[in-house]
Amino acid sequence: MKKDIHPQYRDVIFKDMSCDFMFKGRSTAFSKETIEWEDGNTYPVIKLDISSRSHPFFTGKQKFVDTAGRVDKFFARYGKRENKS
C-alpha cells in the first residue's frame, strides 16, 4: 500500500438528528465537530438524517402520502389537459 494517499480510518460517533440517537462506528468521513463518548474519549461526530432508529422500515411507523390530494392540487393549479388526437 502506498503511504499518505488513503484517508484516515478512525472511530466516530454517528448521531441521528431526527431522534437524538447515537452510536459508535468507524469511518473515513471528516467532521470538525467532536463529542465525548461514554468511555470518556472524544470522537468526531457525523450527523445523520435517518438511521435504523428512525427509518420507517425498522420502526414500523409508515407515513402515508396523500397522492390524490397532490394530483387535485396540480389540476387546480394548471388545469386539466384535453387530448388533441
C-alpha atoms as a PDB file:
ATOM      1  CA  MET A   1       0.000   0.000   0.000  1.00  0.00           C
ATOM      2  CA  LYS A   2       1.274   3.493  -0.837  1.00  0.00           C
ATOM      3  CA  LYS A   3       1.782   5.822   2.103  1.00  0.00           C
ATOM      4  CA  ASP A   4      -0.144   9.080   2.609  1.00  0.00           C
ATOM      5  CA  ILE A   5      -2.781   8.511  -0.117  1.00  0.00           C
ATOM      6  CA  HIS A   6      -5.524   6.842   1.915  1.00  0.00           C
ATOM      7  CA  PRO A   7      -7.959   8.683   4.204  1.00  0.00           C
ATOM      8  CA  GLN A   8      -7.677   8.108   7.942  1.00  0.00           C
ATOM      9  CA  TYR A   9      -9.990   5.292   9.094  1.00  0.00           C
ATOM     10  CA  ARG A  10     -10.976   6.058  12.688  1.00  0.00           C
ATOM     11  CA  ASP A  11     -13.650   5.669  15.353  1.00  0.00           C
ATOM     12  CA  VAL A  12     -16.500   8.178  15.008  1.00  0.00           C
ATOM     13  CA  ILE A  13     -19.883   8.794  16.612  1.00  0.00           C
ATOM     14  CA  PHE A  14     -22.894   8.749  14.287  1.00  0.00           C
ATOM     15  CA  LYS A  15     -25.774  10.939  15.515  1.00  0.00           C
ATOM     16  CA  ASP A  16     -29.308  10.647  14.113  1.00  0.00           C
ATOM     17  CA  MET A  17     -30.601  14.221  14.279  1.00  0.00           C
ATOM     18  CA  SER A  18     -34.275  13.247  13.979  1.00  0.00           C
ATOM     19  CA  CYS A  19     -34.404  11.230  17.208  1.00  0.00           C
ATOM     20  CA  ASP A  20     -31.140  12.111  19.023  1.00  0.00           C
ATOM     21  CA  PHE A  21     -29.853   8.511  18.771  1.00  0.00           C
ATOM     22  CA  MET A  22     -26.068   7.994  18.732  1.00  0.00           C
ATOM     23  CA  PHE A  23     -23.823   5.013  18.099  1.00  0.00           C
ATOM     24  CA  LYS A  24     -20.104   4.433  17.711  1.00  0.00           C
ATOM     25  CA  GLY A  25     -18.648   3.116  14.476  1.00  0.00           C
ATOM     26  CA  ARG A  26     -15.689   3.545  12.153  1.00  0.00           C
ATOM     27  CA  SER A  27     -15.471   5.791   9.125  1.00  0.00           C
ATOM     28  CA  THR A  28     -13.220   7.853   6.876  1.00  0.00           C
ATOM     29  CA  ALA A  29     -15.722  10.750   6.840  1.00  0.00           C
ATOM     30  CA  PHE A  30     -14.365  14.108   8.034  1.00  0.00           C
ATOM     31  CA  SER A  31     -16.019  16.185  10.741  1.00  0.00           C
ATOM     32  CA  LYS A  32     -14.928  19.280  12.671  1.00  0.00           C
ATOM     33  CA  GLU A  33     -17.392  18.614  15.490  1.00  0.00           C
ATOM     34  CA  THR A  34     -16.476  16.325  18.391  1.00  0.00           C
ATOM     35  CA  ILE A  35     -18.301  14.781  21.332  1.00  0.00           C
ATOM     36  CA  GLU A  36     -17.270  12.993  24.497  1.00  0.00           C
ATOM     37  CA  TRP A  37     -18.498   9.391  24.417  1.00  0.00           C
ATOM     38  CA  GLU A  38     -19.492   7.048  27.281  1.00  0.00           C
ATOM     39  CA  ASP A  39     -15.940   5.698  27.564  1.00  0.00           C
ATOM     40  CA  GLY A  40     -14.557   9.198  28.323  1.00  0.00           C
ATOM     41  CA  ASN A  41     -12.802   9.616  24.958  1.00  0.00           C
ATOM     42  CA  THR A  42     -13.538  12.389  22.460  1.00  0.00           C
ATOM     43  CA  TYR A  43     -14.609  11.366  18.942  1.00  0.00           C
ATOM     44  CA  PRO A  44     -15.657  13.215  15.762  1.00  0.00           C
ATOM     45  CA  VAL A  45     -19.442  13.387  15.202  1.00  0.00           C
ATOM     46  CA  ILE A  46     -21.070  12.514  11.858  1.00  0.00           C
ATOM     47  CA  LYS A  47     -24.660  13.800  11.678  1.00  0.00           C
ATOM     48  CA  LEU A  48     -27.263  11.573  10.005  1.00  0.00           C
ATOM     49  CA  ASP A  49     -30.734  12.440   8.740  1.00  0.00           C
ATOM     50  CA  ILE A  50     -32.007   8.913   9.266  1.00  0.00           C
ATOM     51  CA  SER A  51     -30.843   5.708  10.944  1.00  0.00           C
ATOM     52  CA  SER A  52     -32.307   2.356  11.919  1.00  0.00           C
ATOM     53  CA  ARG A  53     -33.846   4.046  14.987  1.00  0.00           C
ATOM     54  CA  SER A  54     -35.894   6.483  12.882  1.00  0.00           C
ATOM     55  CA  HIS A  55     -36.373   4.734   9.496  1.00  0.00           C
ATOM     56  CA  PRO A  56     -39.996   3.625   8.876  1.00  0.00           C
ATOM     57  CA  PHE A  57     -38.923   0.172   7.691  1.00  0.00           C
ATOM     58  CA  PHE A  58     -37.285  -0.613  11.047  1.00  0.00           C
ATOM     59  CA  THR A  59     -39.722   1.271  13.299  1.00  0.00           C
ATOM     60  CA  GLY A  60     -42.921   0.013  11.648  1.00  0.00           C
ATOM     61  CA  LYS A  61     -44.360   3.534  11.571  1.00  0.00           C
ATOM     62  CA  GLN A  62     -45.180   4.241   7.943  1.00  0.00           C
ATOM     63  CA  LYS A  63     -46.079   7.717   6.729  1.00  0.00           C
ATOM     64  CA  PHE A  64     -48.797   7.567   4.098  1.00  0.00           C
ATOM     65  CA  VAL A  65     -48.699  10.252   1.438  1.00  0.00           C
ATOM     66  CA  ASP A  66     -51.948  11.669   0.109  1.00  0.00           C
ATOM     67  CA  THR A  67     -51.204  11.367  -3.616  1.00  0.00           C
ATOM     68  CA  ALA A  68     -54.804  12.005  -4.655  1.00  0.00           C
ATOM     69  CA  GLY A  69     -54.689  15.369  -2.918  1.00  0.00           C
ATOM     70  CA  ARG A  70     -51.479  16.255  -4.740  1.00  0.00           C
ATOM     71  CA  VAL A  71     -52.987  15.356  -8.112  1.00  0.00           C
ATOM     72  CA  ASP A  72     -56.050  17.515  -7.388  1.00  0.00           C
ATOM     73  CA  LYS A  73     -53.808  20.436  -6.430  1.00  0.00           C
ATOM     74  CA  PHE A  74     -51.867  20.013  -9.673  1.00  0.00           C
ATOM     75  CA  PHE A  75     -55.056  20.047 -11.790  1.00  0.00           C
ATOM     76  CA  ALA A  76     -56.404  23.037  -9.861  1.00  0.00           C
ATOM     77  CA  ARG A  77     -53.213  24.975 -10.492  1.00  0.00           C
ATOM     78  CA  TYR A  78     -52.505  24.043 -14.106  1.00  0.00           C
ATOM     79  CA  GLY A  79     -55.859  22.815 -15.353  1.00  0.00           C
ATOM     80  CA  LYS A  80     -56.683  19.513 -16.975  1.00  0.00           C
ATOM     81  CA  ARG A  81     -55.288  18.965 -20.474  1.00  0.00           C
ATOM     82  CA  GLU A  82     -57.528  17.595 -23.158  1.00  0.00           C
ATOM     83  CA  ASN A  83     -56.375  15.012 -25.708  1.00  0.00           C
ATOM     84  CA  LYS A  84     -55.804  16.554 -29.131  1.00  0.00           C
ATOM     85  CA  SER A  85     -55.684  13.395 -31.201  1.00  0.00           C
END
